[in-house]
Amino acid sequence: MLEVDTFETNERRYRSWSRLTGRGPEASQKWDVIVIGGGITGAGILREAARRGLKAALIEQQDFAWGTSSRSSKMVHGGLRYLLGAHLKLTRDSVRERERLLRESPGLIDPLGFLFSNYKGKRPGRFSMNVLLITYDLFARRWNHRYYPAHEYTFLVPWIRLSGLKGGSRYGDAVTDDSRLVLRVIQEAQRDGALALNYVKAENLITKNGRVCGVHVRDVLSGETAEIPSRTVVNATGAWADRLRRQVAGGEDIRPLRGSHLVFPYWRIPIAQAVGLMHPIDGRPVFFMPWEGATIVGSTDLDHDKDLDFEARITRQEVDYLMEIVDYQFPSLEIKKGDILSTFSGIRPVISGGATDPSQEKRDHSIWVEKGLISVSGGKLTTFRLIALDVLRHVARFIPELVVKDVGEPVFRMTSSHERATAHLDCSLRRRLAGHYGEEAGEVVKCAKQGELERVPGTDTLWVELRWALGREAVVHLDDLLLRRTRLGMLLPEGGVSVLDYVKNLCREVLGWKDERWHGEDSAYRSLWRKCYSVPGTEEIQLRTGSIPT
């Protein structure tokens, strides 16, 4: 059995910091690219830079995927609604990237049927929807939609509202664990020699002769600072991009939009496929989607005027808005607010185009090159690879030997190295581990202790994933583990209170946390969950430490 070194995480972080700052035996004298921002856009840029032989490093002031990329709607999709706005190129690119990702990483990006209900007098009608889906499938180069009359449609989605139902369309898209997607992309970049380090803040840009040539950074954990020279600096901080841009140009182009979601136990809204319809209040598309053993309802689309340094949270008005569509679509299930497991809100970095309605803003990405600083924001999770290539074309202006061509290289290495170690597991577990961990899937299995290859009750997560994350995935705080490396904080009642005793023992064993450290992390996590992942307006729940099921 493979044992995870108790203090390996701290040692790895020290080696990474030394390498980043040029103070260790593996130090780089000068980086080719420093990427600021550890979401999916930054991860994609790191991946594409590393595969082209560049000395590339990524820094993130919070945790990897802390922002938008762990709080998206979890869909890898073409953006069907963007066809309504005639955004043909964006939709085409998204559909084709979706198909690529489905081929490359089953178990991480999985196909999911989407049902769109057709009600009398509601838009879009059957004809309009059919035109959209034909275009959608032409982009994907495969026929993957069908219309069902009401008497057949109700077999696909029982308990649906019957009043005015004429039928519905089924089409194909995909679903992912967005945070795991970021980690997989970073993992692939690291295998090509890149460096990625969380909890490192870019304090100031370094300029020479009027051009950005490096970053002054601070280790958030130790307070240590350093100047990092680099031939190019990429600002991939999403909704936060204007902050760095203001150091060189004063740009103000980002319009932060909040998308909020509700998470229900799967048994309360038991659907095998995603279900969508237009909200009766404002005509926005809203979806119900099975995800990681639960059901997600979302999302909203509102201007976010709160401090971006603090995690976004759902408002009472947004809860009411989403509960109204729950009641409208599934009235017979009699869903109440008390059924909600958790909530989450993400900030979309949309480029402001002056639209009064936030939902009418374009979702394309934009790139600015200002005194050598290359900033990128906007775009869709699905097209992260194309965004990365676009950014690198601008990087090539400062690195003449860099050649950027899209020759269709896969984002993820397709390997069978894990098959022997996972052969004794059932097909669904093998698929999940291969998708979530790639070439390391076999090592995940080897480090499992007795009972840890079982699922955490009520979820698709394996107990061993907690052990692996603590030992190998740069976990610094408890919320890193429960909200991003795994999603137990959103999938289990009261933020995962039932597993905290088990997690405490793991943190003591793998990370060497003493009681004082645990109590601090435990208190901070519970407070964060109540503020940002619970239902606002309900009586505050005093979480009690529970025990794992035997």
Protein backbone atom coordinates (compact mmCIF):
# COMPACT_ATOMS: atom_id res chain seq x y z
CA MET A 1 0.00 0.00 0.00
CA LEU A 2 1.35 3.42 -0.97
CA GLU A 3 1.63 5.72 2.04
CA VAL A 4 1.37 9.49 1.62
CA ASP A 5 4.20 11.34 3.38
CA THR A 6 2.79 13.30 6.32
CA PHE A 7 4.65 16.52 5.52
CA GLU A 8 4.95 16.15 1.76
CA THR A 9 2.58 19.04 1.07
CA ASN A 10 4.71 21.55 3.03
CA GLU A 11 7.92 20.29 1.44
CA ARG A 12 6.43 20.52 -2.04
CA ARG A 13 5.28 24.06 -1.40
CA TYR A 14 8.73 25.08 -0.18
CA ARG A 15 10.35 23.60 -3.29
CA SER A 16 7.81 25.34 -5.54
CA TRP A 17 8.34 28.72 -3.86
CA SER A 18 12.10 28.33 -4.18
CA ARG A 19 11.76 27.49 -7.83
CA LEU A 20 9.40 30.40 -8.47
CA THR A 21 11.65 32.93 -6.77
CA GLY A 22 14.95 31.67 -8.18
CA ARG A 23 16.33 30.70 -4.79
CA GLY A 24 16.53 26.93 -5.11
CA PRO A 25 18.48 24.32 -7.08
CA GLU A 26 15.64 24.04 -9.63
CA ALA A 27 15.29 27.81 -10.00
CA SER A 28 14.64 29.43 -13.33
CA GLN A 29 16.80 32.50 -13.99
CA LYS A 30 13.96 34.12 -15.86
CA TRP A 31 10.49 32.89 -16.68
CA ASP A 32 9.09 33.12 -20.19
CA VAL A 33 5.51 33.49 -18.96
CA ILE A 34 4.04 34.29 -15.56
CA VAL A 35 0.30 33.61 -15.51
CA ILE A 36 -1.64 35.38 -12.76
CA GLY A 37 -4.93 33.66 -11.97
CA GLY A 38 -5.66 30.02 -11.13
CA GLY A 39 -9.05 29.55 -12.74
CA ILE A 40 -9.76 27.62 -15.94
CA THR A 41 -8.46 30.41 -18.20
CA GLY A 42 -5.12 30.65 -16.40
CA ALA A 43 -4.84 26.87 -16.22
CA GLY A 44 -5.46 26.57 -19.95
CA ILE A 45 -2.81 29.20 -20.77
CA LEU A 46 -0.31 27.39 -18.53
CA ARG A 47 -1.10 24.10 -20.26
CA GLU A 48 -0.61 25.45 -23.78
CA ALA A 49 2.52 27.42 -22.85
CA ALA A 50 4.19 24.44 -21.18
CA ARG A 51 3.54 22.06 -24.07
CA ARG A 52 5.36 24.54 -26.35
CA GLY A 53 8.48 24.42 -24.22
CA LEU A 54 8.09 27.77 -22.48
CA LYS A 55 9.26 28.24 -18.90
CA ALA A 56 5.83 28.93 -17.48
CA ALA A 57 4.55 29.53 -13.95
CA LEU A 58 1.08 30.22 -12.57
CA ILE A 59 0.29 31.99 -9.30
CA GLU A 60 -3.08 32.34 -7.59
CA GLN A 61 -3.70 34.55 -4.55
CA GLN A 62 -6.43 32.25 -3.23
CA ASP A 63 -6.87 28.56 -4.00
CA PHE A 64 -6.92 27.06 -7.47
CA ALA A 65 -10.44 27.50 -8.94
CA TRP A 66 -11.43 29.60 -5.91
CA GLY A 67 -13.44 32.07 -7.96
CA THR A 68 -15.71 31.56 -10.93
CA SER A 69 -14.19 28.24 -11.94
CA SER A 70 -15.51 26.34 -8.93
CA ARG A 71 -18.91 28.05 -8.89
CA SER A 72 -20.08 27.82 -12.48
CA SER A 73 -23.22 26.07 -13.68
CA LYS A 74 -21.08 22.92 -14.28
CA MET A 75 -22.04 22.74 -17.95
CA VAL A 76 -19.64 22.12 -20.81
CA HIS A 77 -21.98 23.31 -23.51
CA GLY A 78 -22.32 25.14 -26.74
CA GLY A 79 -24.46 27.92 -25.37
CA LEU A 80 -27.71 27.23 -27.12
CA ARG A 81 -29.17 30.57 -26.03
CA TYR A 82 -26.31 32.41 -27.76
CA LEU A 83 -27.79 31.30 -31.07
CA LEU A 84 -30.79 33.46 -30.26
CA GLY A 85 -28.43 36.43 -30.23
CA ALA A 86 -26.82 35.31 -33.51
CA HIS A 87 -23.47 34.61 -31.83
CA LEU A 88 -22.74 31.89 -34.38
CA LYS A 89 -18.97 31.75 -34.04
CA LEU A 90 -19.07 31.52 -30.23
CA THR A 91 -21.65 28.74 -30.39
CA ARG A 92 -19.80 26.85 -33.13
CA ASP A 93 -16.50 27.02 -31.26
CA SER A 94 -18.15 25.97 -28.01
CA VAL A 95 -19.91 22.99 -29.56
CA ARG A 96 -16.74 21.73 -31.20
CA GLU A 97 -14.70 22.17 -28.02
CA ARG A 98 -17.41 20.30 -26.12
CA GLU A 99 -17.06 17.39 -28.52
CA ARG A 100 -13.28 17.42 -28.12
CA LEU A 101 -13.48 17.37 -24.33
CA LEU A 102 -16.02 14.55 -24.34
CA ARG A 103 -13.62 12.44 -26.39
CA GLU A 104 -10.56 13.28 -24.31
CA SER A 105 -11.74 12.93 -20.73
CA PRO A 106 -14.72 10.65 -20.09
CA GLY A 107 -15.40 10.56 -16.39
CA LEU A 108 -14.56 14.24 -16.01
CA ILE A 109 -16.58 15.64 -18.90
CA ASP A 110 -19.61 13.44 -19.48
CA PRO A 111 -22.52 13.61 -21.93
CA LEU A 112 -25.84 14.67 -20.50
CA GLY A 113 -29.23 14.83 -22.13
CA PHE A 114 -31.03 18.18 -21.88
CA LEU A 115 -34.80 18.40 -22.02
CA PHE A 116 -36.46 21.70 -22.86
CA SER A 117 -40.15 21.92 -22.05
CA ASN A 118 -42.57 23.37 -24.58
CA TYR A 119 -45.61 25.06 -22.98
CA LYS A 120 -48.54 26.65 -24.74
CA GLY A 121 -47.92 30.35 -25.31
CA LYS A 122 -44.34 30.17 -23.98
CA ARG A 123 -41.16 30.84 -25.96
CA PRO A 124 -39.40 29.31 -27.71
CA GLY A 125 -42.00 27.27 -29.54
CA ARG A 126 -41.43 23.89 -31.15
CA PHE A 127 -40.49 25.31 -34.56
CA SER A 128 -38.03 27.90 -33.20
CA MET A 129 -36.42 25.36 -30.89
CA ASN A 130 -36.04 22.89 -33.73
CA VAL A 131 -34.24 25.46 -35.89
CA LEU A 132 -31.83 26.19 -33.04
CA LEU A 133 -31.14 22.51 -32.44
CA ILE A 134 -30.56 21.76 -36.12
CA THR A 135 -27.93 24.50 -36.18
CA TYR A 136 -26.48 23.17 -32.92
CA ASP A 137 -26.12 19.67 -34.33
CA LEU A 138 -24.69 20.89 -37.63
CA PHE A 139 -21.87 22.54 -35.65
CA ALA A 140 -21.24 19.26 -33.83
CA ARG A 141 -21.50 17.27 -37.07
CA ARG A 142 -23.89 14.75 -35.54
CA TRP A 143 -27.64 14.50 -35.15
CA ASN A 144 -28.50 14.55 -31.47
CA HIS A 145 -31.94 16.01 -30.89
CA ARG A 146 -35.56 14.96 -31.00
CA TYR A 147 -38.98 16.35 -30.15
CA TYR A 148 -41.39 14.39 -27.91
CA PRO A 149 -45.13 15.02 -27.63
CA ALA A 150 -46.45 15.51 -24.12
CA HIS A 151 -47.51 11.89 -23.52
CA GLU A 152 -43.97 10.68 -24.31
CA TYR A 153 -42.15 13.61 -22.75
CA THR A 154 -43.63 12.89 -19.33
CA PHE A 155 -42.00 9.46 -19.35
CA LEU A 156 -38.61 11.18 -19.62
CA VAL A 157 -39.32 13.63 -16.80
CA PRO A 158 -42.09 12.56 -14.40
CA TRP A 159 -43.61 15.04 -11.94
CA ILE A 160 -43.30 17.86 -14.45
CA ARG A 161 -46.01 20.53 -14.64
CA LEU A 162 -48.72 19.22 -16.97
CA SER A 163 -50.86 22.35 -17.37
CA GLY A 164 -50.24 23.76 -20.84
CA LEU A 165 -47.54 21.19 -21.65
CA LYS A 166 -47.34 20.47 -25.38
CA GLY A 167 -44.18 18.38 -25.29
CA GLY A 168 -40.47 19.02 -25.26
CA SER A 169 -37.18 18.69 -27.07
CA ARG A 170 -34.21 16.59 -26.09
CA TYR A 171 -30.67 17.48 -27.13
CA GLY A 172 -27.15 16.66 -26.00
CA ASP A 173 -24.61 18.69 -24.05
CA ALA A 174 -22.16 17.82 -21.28
CA VAL A 175 -21.49 18.26 -17.58
CA THR A 176 -18.32 18.46 -15.48
CA ASP A 177 -16.93 19.09 -12.04
CA ASP A 178 -15.51 22.52 -12.87
CA SER A 179 -13.00 22.62 -10.02
CA ARG A 180 -11.61 19.18 -10.89
CA LEU A 181 -11.36 20.30 -14.51
CA VAL A 182 -9.06 23.15 -13.47
CA LEU A 183 -6.89 20.79 -11.42
CA ARG A 184 -6.61 18.28 -14.27
CA VAL A 185 -5.51 20.98 -16.71
CA ILE A 186 -2.91 22.26 -14.21
CA GLN A 187 -1.73 18.68 -13.69
CA GLU A 188 -1.17 18.27 -17.41
CA ALA A 189 0.83 21.52 -17.51
CA GLN A 190 2.98 20.42 -14.58
CA ARG A 191 3.83 17.18 -16.36
CA ASP A 192 5.28 19.34 -19.14
CA GLY A 193 7.45 21.23 -16.65
CA ALA A 194 5.21 24.12 -15.62
CA LEU A 195 4.93 25.43 -12.05
CA ALA A 196 1.67 26.25 -10.30
CA LEU A 197 1.43 27.68 -6.80
CA ASN A 198 -1.66 28.75 -4.88
CA TYR A 199 -1.85 31.38 -2.13
CA VAL A 200 0.69 33.62 -3.83
CA LYS A 201 -0.46 37.16 -4.54
CA ALA A 202 0.76 39.42 -7.35
CA GLU A 203 1.28 42.63 -5.39
CA ASN A 204 2.69 44.87 -8.11
CA LEU A 205 3.84 44.68 -11.69
CA ILE A 206 7.51 45.35 -12.41
CA THR A 207 8.17 47.67 -15.33
CA LYS A 208 11.36 48.57 -17.14
CA ASN A 209 11.63 51.07 -19.99
CA GLY A 210 7.85 51.41 -19.96
CA ARG A 211 7.14 47.70 -20.33
CA VAL A 212 6.00 45.07 -17.83
CA CYS A 213 8.85 42.63 -17.21
CA GLY A 214 7.91 40.80 -14.05
CA VAL A 215 5.83 40.64 -10.89
CA HIS A 216 6.42 41.46 -7.25
CA VAL A 217 4.76 38.62 -5.33
CA ARG A 218 3.92 37.76 -1.74
CA ASP A 219 3.44 34.33 -0.22
CA VAL A 220 0.09 34.77 1.51
CA LEU A 221 0.93 32.04 4.03
CA SER A 222 4.41 33.11 5.15
CA GLY A 223 4.40 36.79 4.20
CA GLU A 224 7.65 36.33 2.28
CA THR A 225 8.02 38.53 -0.82
CA ALA A 226 10.07 38.32 -4.00
CA GLU A 227 10.51 39.93 -7.40
CA ILE A 228 9.94 37.51 -10.28
CA PRO A 229 11.37 38.55 -13.66
CA SER A 230 9.57 37.28 -16.74
CA ARG A 231 9.64 37.93 -20.46
CA THR A 232 5.83 38.22 -20.43
CA VAL A 233 3.10 38.52 -17.81
CA VAL A 234 -0.46 37.33 -18.44
CA ASN A 235 -3.30 38.67 -16.35
CA ALA A 236 -5.93 35.90 -16.31
CA THR A 237 -7.75 36.96 -13.16
CA GLY A 238 -11.23 37.04 -14.69
CA ALA A 239 -13.59 39.34 -12.82
CA TRP A 240 -10.54 40.85 -11.08
CA ALA A 241 -8.65 41.66 -14.32
CA ASP A 242 -9.20 45.43 -14.19
CA ARG A 243 -7.26 45.68 -10.92
CA LEU A 244 -3.94 44.72 -12.48
CA ARG A 245 -4.75 46.62 -15.66
CA ARG A 246 -5.13 49.81 -13.63
CA GLN A 247 -1.44 49.60 -12.71
CA VAL A 248 -0.50 50.19 -16.35
CA ALA A 249 -3.50 51.55 -18.24
CA GLY A 250 -6.51 52.22 -16.05
CA GLY A 251 -8.85 49.90 -17.94
CA GLU A 252 -12.44 49.50 -16.71
CA ASP A 253 -14.11 46.95 -18.97
CA ILE A 254 -15.28 44.12 -16.71
CA ARG A 255 -18.92 43.87 -15.68
CA PRO A 256 -19.12 41.30 -12.82
CA LEU A 257 -22.35 39.32 -13.01
CA ARG A 258 -23.50 36.98 -10.28
CA GLY A 259 -24.95 33.58 -11.11
CA SER A 260 -26.49 31.79 -8.12
CA HIS A 261 -27.65 28.20 -7.72
CA LEU A 262 -29.54 25.93 -5.35
CA VAL A 263 -28.45 22.37 -4.57
CA PHE A 264 -31.06 19.77 -3.63
CA PRO A 265 -30.75 16.12 -2.62
CA TYR A 266 -31.25 14.03 -5.73
CA TRP A 267 -34.16 12.16 -4.17
CA ARG A 268 -36.14 15.41 -3.83
CA ILE A 269 -35.81 16.26 -7.54
CA PRO A 270 -34.99 12.89 -9.12
CA ILE A 271 -34.14 13.61 -12.75
CA ALA A 272 -31.95 11.51 -15.02
CA GLN A 273 -31.41 14.35 -17.51
CA ALA A 274 -31.19 18.12 -17.27
CA VAL A 275 -34.49 19.96 -17.62
CA GLY A 276 -34.72 23.53 -18.89
CA LEU A 277 -37.39 26.13 -19.49
CA MET A 278 -37.81 29.88 -19.59
CA HIS A 279 -38.48 31.52 -16.24
CA PRO A 280 -42.03 32.95 -16.17
CA ILE A 281 -40.83 36.21 -14.58
CA ASP A 282 -38.17 37.39 -17.03
CA GLY A 283 -37.93 34.76 -19.77
CA ARG A 284 -34.38 33.70 -18.83
CA PRO A 285 -33.43 30.04 -19.34
CA VAL A 286 -33.18 28.10 -16.08
CA PHE A 287 -32.01 24.50 -15.70
CA PHE A 288 -32.42 21.60 -13.33
CA MET A 289 -29.38 19.33 -13.62
CA PRO A 290 -28.24 16.08 -11.98
CA TRP A 291 -24.68 16.53 -10.68
CA GLU A 292 -22.46 14.50 -8.37
CA GLY A 293 -25.40 12.70 -6.77
CA ALA A 294 -27.44 15.87 -6.24
CA THR A 295 -29.65 18.17 -8.32
CA ILE A 296 -28.64 21.76 -9.15
CA VAL A 297 -31.11 24.52 -10.01
CA GLY A 298 -29.78 27.69 -11.62
CA SER A 299 -28.96 30.21 -12.42
CA THR A 300 -29.57 33.89 -11.90
CA ASP A 301 -27.76 36.64 -13.84
CA LEU A 302 -27.42 39.88 -11.89
CA ASP A 303 -24.94 42.71 -11.53
CA HIS A 304 -22.62 42.03 -8.59
CA ASP A 305 -21.68 45.22 -6.76
CA LYS A 306 -20.11 43.61 -3.67
CA ASP A 307 -16.41 43.43 -2.78
CA LEU A 308 -14.80 40.87 -5.09
CA ASP A 309 -12.30 39.86 -2.41
CA PHE A 310 -15.09 38.11 -0.53
CA GLU A 311 -16.92 35.05 -1.74
CA ALA A 312 -20.20 35.83 -3.43
CA ARG A 313 -23.38 34.58 -1.80
CA ILE A 314 -26.94 34.14 -2.92
CA THR A 315 -29.53 36.69 -1.82
CA ARG A 316 -33.01 36.02 -0.47
CA GLN A 317 -34.45 37.46 -3.67
CA GLU A 318 -32.45 35.00 -5.78
CA VAL A 319 -33.59 32.10 -3.62
CA ASP A 320 -37.20 33.18 -4.12
CA TYR A 321 -36.60 33.57 -7.88
CA LEU A 322 -35.22 30.05 -8.21
CA MET A 323 -37.80 28.52 -5.86
CA GLU A 324 -40.53 29.99 -8.05
CA ILE A 325 -39.26 28.04 -11.06
CA VAL A 326 -38.99 24.91 -8.90
CA ASP A 327 -42.63 25.28 -7.86
CA TYR A 328 -43.66 26.08 -11.44
CA GLN A 329 -41.90 23.14 -13.09
CA PHE A 330 -42.40 20.45 -10.42
CA PRO A 331 -45.50 21.46 -8.42
CA SER A 332 -46.38 17.89 -7.37
CA LEU A 333 -43.04 17.43 -5.57
CA GLU A 334 -43.95 20.22 -3.12
CA ILE A 335 -40.35 21.35 -2.70
CA LYS A 336 -39.67 23.72 0.21
CA LYS A 337 -36.72 25.92 1.13
CA GLY A 338 -35.95 23.47 3.91
CA ASP A 339 -35.11 20.88 1.25
CA ILE A 340 -32.15 22.91 -0.03
CA LEU A 341 -28.81 21.27 0.79
CA SER A 342 -26.67 24.28 -0.06
CA THR A 343 -26.32 27.27 -2.34
CA PHE A 344 -23.43 28.70 -4.32
CA SER A 345 -22.78 31.85 -6.32
CA GLY A 346 -20.14 32.58 -8.93
CA ILE A 347 -19.06 35.85 -10.55
CA ARG A 348 -19.00 35.81 -14.33
CA PRO A 349 -16.37 38.11 -15.86
CA VAL A 350 -18.44 39.58 -18.67
CA ILE A 351 -17.05 42.32 -20.92
CA SER A 352 -19.28 45.36 -20.60
CA GLY A 353 -21.02 46.31 -23.80
CA GLY A 354 -23.49 48.74 -22.29
CA ALA A 355 -26.52 46.43 -22.32
CA THR A 356 -29.19 47.34 -19.78
CA ASP A 357 -30.11 43.69 -19.21
CA PRO A 358 -27.10 41.71 -17.89
CA SER A 359 -28.25 38.63 -19.79
CA GLN A 360 -27.87 40.50 -23.08
CA GLU A 361 -24.14 41.10 -22.64
CA LYS A 362 -21.91 39.08 -24.97
CA ARG A 363 -19.98 36.14 -23.54
CA ASP A 364 -16.96 36.38 -25.88
CA HIS A 365 -13.53 36.83 -24.35
CA SER A 366 -11.41 39.96 -24.84
CA ILE A 367 -7.64 40.50 -24.74
CA TRP A 368 -5.82 43.75 -23.97
CA VAL A 369 -2.07 44.31 -24.44
CA GLU A 370 -1.04 47.35 -22.40
CA LYS A 371 2.63 48.20 -21.84
CA GLY A 372 3.49 44.54 -22.21
CA LEU A 373 0.83 43.27 -19.80
CA ILE A 374 -1.43 40.78 -21.59
CA SER A 375 -4.86 40.69 -19.96
CA VAL A 376 -7.70 38.34 -20.82
CA SER A 377 -11.21 38.11 -19.46
CA GLY A 378 -14.66 36.94 -20.45
CA GLY A 379 -15.37 33.86 -22.49
CA LYS A 380 -16.82 30.49 -21.57
CA LEU A 381 -15.43 27.61 -19.57
CA THR A 382 -15.97 25.33 -22.57
CA THR A 383 -13.65 27.31 -24.83
CA PHE A 384 -10.71 27.64 -22.42
CA ARG A 385 -8.33 25.95 -24.88
CA LEU A 386 -9.14 28.38 -27.68
CA ILE A 387 -8.83 31.34 -25.31
CA ALA A 388 -5.40 30.06 -24.25
CA LEU A 389 -4.21 29.82 -27.84
CA ASP A 390 -5.47 33.32 -28.56
CA VAL A 391 -3.52 34.65 -25.55
CA LEU A 392 -0.34 32.86 -26.64
CA ARG A 393 -0.54 34.50 -30.06
CA HIS A 394 -0.18 37.80 -28.22
CA VAL A 395 2.60 36.37 -26.05
CA ALA A 396 4.46 35.53 -29.27
CA ARG A 397 4.79 39.27 -29.97
CA PHE A 398 7.32 39.36 -27.12
CA ILE A 399 8.83 35.89 -27.59
CA PRO A 400 9.77 35.71 -31.29
CA GLU A 401 10.74 32.03 -31.22
CA LEU A 402 7.27 31.02 -30.02
CA VAL A 403 5.12 29.44 -32.74
CA VAL A 404 1.42 29.13 -31.98
CA LYS A 405 -0.55 26.82 -34.23
CA ASP A 406 -3.69 24.91 -33.42
CA VAL A 407 -2.82 21.42 -34.63
CA GLY A 408 -5.46 19.71 -32.54
CA GLU A 409 -3.23 18.40 -29.76
CA PRO A 410 -5.31 16.98 -26.90
CA VAL A 411 -5.58 18.88 -23.64
CA PHE A 412 -5.49 15.64 -21.68
CA ARG A 413 -3.09 12.76 -22.14
CA MET A 414 -5.01 9.62 -22.95
CA THR A 415 -3.37 6.83 -20.99
CA SER A 416 -4.08 3.32 -19.83
CA SER A 417 -1.37 3.29 -17.14
CA HIS A 418 -3.96 3.16 -14.36
CA GLU A 419 -5.94 0.22 -15.72
CA ARG A 420 -4.14 -2.54 -13.82
CA ALA A 421 -4.48 -0.75 -10.46
CA THR A 422 -8.18 -0.03 -11.00
CA ALA A 423 -9.17 -3.30 -12.71
CA HIS A 424 -10.91 -4.67 -9.60
CA LEU A 425 -13.27 -1.69 -9.37
CA ASP A 426 -16.63 -1.46 -11.09
CA CYS A 427 -16.86 0.37 -14.40
CA SER A 428 -18.33 3.59 -12.98
CA LEU A 429 -15.55 3.96 -10.41
CA ARG A 430 -12.83 3.29 -12.97
CA ARG A 431 -14.34 5.89 -15.27
CA ARG A 432 -14.62 8.46 -12.49
CA LEU A 433 -11.05 8.00 -11.26
CA ALA A 434 -9.58 8.06 -14.77
CA GLY A 435 -11.46 11.27 -15.57
CA HIS A 436 -10.74 13.06 -12.31
CA TYR A 437 -7.11 12.04 -11.87
CA GLY A 438 -5.77 11.00 -15.26
CA GLU A 439 -2.42 9.24 -15.08
CA GLU A 440 -2.50 9.39 -11.29
CA ALA A 441 -5.71 7.34 -10.97
CA GLY A 442 -3.78 4.16 -10.19
CA GLU A 443 -1.80 5.91 -7.44
CA VAL A 444 -5.05 7.18 -5.91
CA VAL A 445 -6.28 3.60 -5.63
CA LYS A 446 -2.98 2.36 -4.18
CA CYS A 447 -3.04 4.86 -1.33
CA ALA A 448 -6.55 3.83 -0.22
CA LYS A 449 -6.93 2.21 3.19
CA GLN A 450 -9.65 -0.24 4.14
CA GLY A 451 -13.10 1.02 3.17
CA GLU A 452 -11.81 4.11 1.39
CA LEU A 453 -12.81 2.92 -2.08
CA GLU A 454 -16.44 3.16 -1.00
CA ARG A 455 -18.55 6.20 -1.80
CA VAL A 456 -19.28 8.84 0.80
CA PRO A 457 -23.02 8.17 1.40
CA GLY A 458 -25.24 10.43 -0.65
CA THR A 459 -22.49 11.39 -3.10
CA ASP A 460 -20.34 9.99 -5.91
CA THR A 461 -17.14 10.91 -4.02
CA LEU A 462 -14.85 8.15 -2.73
CA TRP A 463 -13.35 8.40 0.74
CA VAL A 464 -9.88 7.97 -0.71
CA GLU A 465 -10.26 11.21 -2.68
CA LEU A 466 -10.01 13.09 0.62
CA ARG A 467 -6.76 11.33 1.52
CA TRP A 468 -5.29 11.89 -1.93
CA ALA A 469 -6.21 15.58 -2.01
CA LEU A 470 -4.61 16.25 1.37
CA GLY A 471 -1.39 14.52 0.41
CA ARG A 472 -0.94 15.53 -3.22
CA GLU A 473 -3.13 18.47 -4.25
CA ALA A 474 -1.83 21.53 -2.38
CA VAL A 475 -4.62 21.72 0.19
CA VAL A 476 -3.92 24.62 2.56
CA HIS A 477 -7.28 25.19 4.25
CA LEU A 478 -10.25 23.01 5.11
CA ASP A 479 -12.47 24.77 2.57
CA ASP A 480 -9.94 23.86 -0.16
CA LEU A 481 -10.65 20.22 0.62
CA LEU A 482 -14.42 20.30 1.11
CA LEU A 483 -15.44 22.91 -1.47
CA ARG A 484 -12.95 22.44 -4.35
CA ARG A 485 -10.83 19.24 -4.20
CA THR A 486 -14.04 17.46 -3.30
CA ARG A 487 -17.52 19.03 -3.26
CA LEU A 488 -18.75 17.46 -0.03
CA GLY A 489 -19.43 20.88 1.48
CA MET A 490 -22.13 21.44 -1.14
CA LEU A 491 -23.39 17.87 -1.44
CA LEU A 492 -23.87 16.90 2.21
CA PRO A 493 -26.29 18.43 4.75
CA GLU A 494 -24.98 21.34 6.80
CA GLY A 495 -21.75 21.60 4.86
CA GLY A 496 -20.62 18.03 5.52
CA VAL A 497 -20.91 17.99 9.30
CA SER A 498 -21.23 14.20 9.25
CA VAL A 499 -17.71 13.70 7.87
CA LEU A 500 -15.80 16.27 9.93
CA ASP A 501 -14.55 13.77 12.54
CA TYR A 502 -13.18 11.62 9.76
CA VAL A 503 -11.61 14.63 8.03
CA LYS A 504 -10.07 15.78 11.32
CA ASN A 505 -8.27 12.47 11.74
CA LEU A 506 -7.11 12.56 8.12
CA CYS A 507 -5.73 16.08 8.48
CA ARG A 508 -3.86 15.02 11.60
CA GLU A 509 -2.45 11.95 9.84
CA VAL A 510 -1.59 13.41 6.43
CA LEU A 511 -0.87 17.09 7.14
CA GLY A 512 0.23 16.84 10.77
CA TRP A 513 -2.40 19.33 11.95
CA LYS A 514 -2.50 19.73 15.72
CA ASP A 515 -5.72 20.37 17.65
CA GLU A 516 -5.19 24.14 17.64
CA ARG A 517 -4.82 24.21 13.85
CA TRP A 518 -7.85 22.00 13.37
CA HIS A 519 -10.07 24.11 15.63
CA GLY A 520 -9.11 27.25 13.70
CA GLU A 521 -9.76 25.64 10.32
CA ASP A 522 -12.99 24.04 11.52
CA SER A 523 -14.33 27.33 12.87
CA ALA A 524 -13.37 29.26 9.72
CA TYR A 525 -14.96 26.66 7.45
CA ARG A 526 -18.24 26.55 9.37
CA SER A 527 -18.45 30.34 9.33
CA LEU A 528 -17.74 30.48 5.60
CA TRP A 529 -20.34 27.80 4.86
CA ARG A 530 -23.03 29.60 6.86
CA LYS A 531 -22.26 32.94 5.17
CA CYS A 532 -21.83 31.82 1.56
CA TYR A 533 -23.25 28.33 1.03
CA SER A 534 -26.35 28.13 3.22
CA VAL A 535 -29.81 29.59 2.59
CA PRO A 536 -29.96 33.24 3.72
CA GLY A 537 -32.84 34.27 5.90
CA THR A 538 -33.24 30.92 7.62
CA GLU A 539 -32.52 30.46 11.30
CA GLU A 540 -28.76 30.03 11.75
CA ILE A 541 -27.86 26.41 12.24
CA GLN A 542 -25.36 25.63 14.95
CA LEU A 543 -23.32 22.91 13.28
CA ARG A 544 -22.40 19.97 15.47
CA THR A 545 -19.46 17.69 14.85
CA GLY A 546 -20.78 14.38 13.60
CA SER A 547 -19.29 11.01 12.86
CA ILE A 548 -18.90 9.03 9.68
CA PRO A 549 -21.23 6.12 9.04
CA THR A 550 -19.80 2.72 9.81
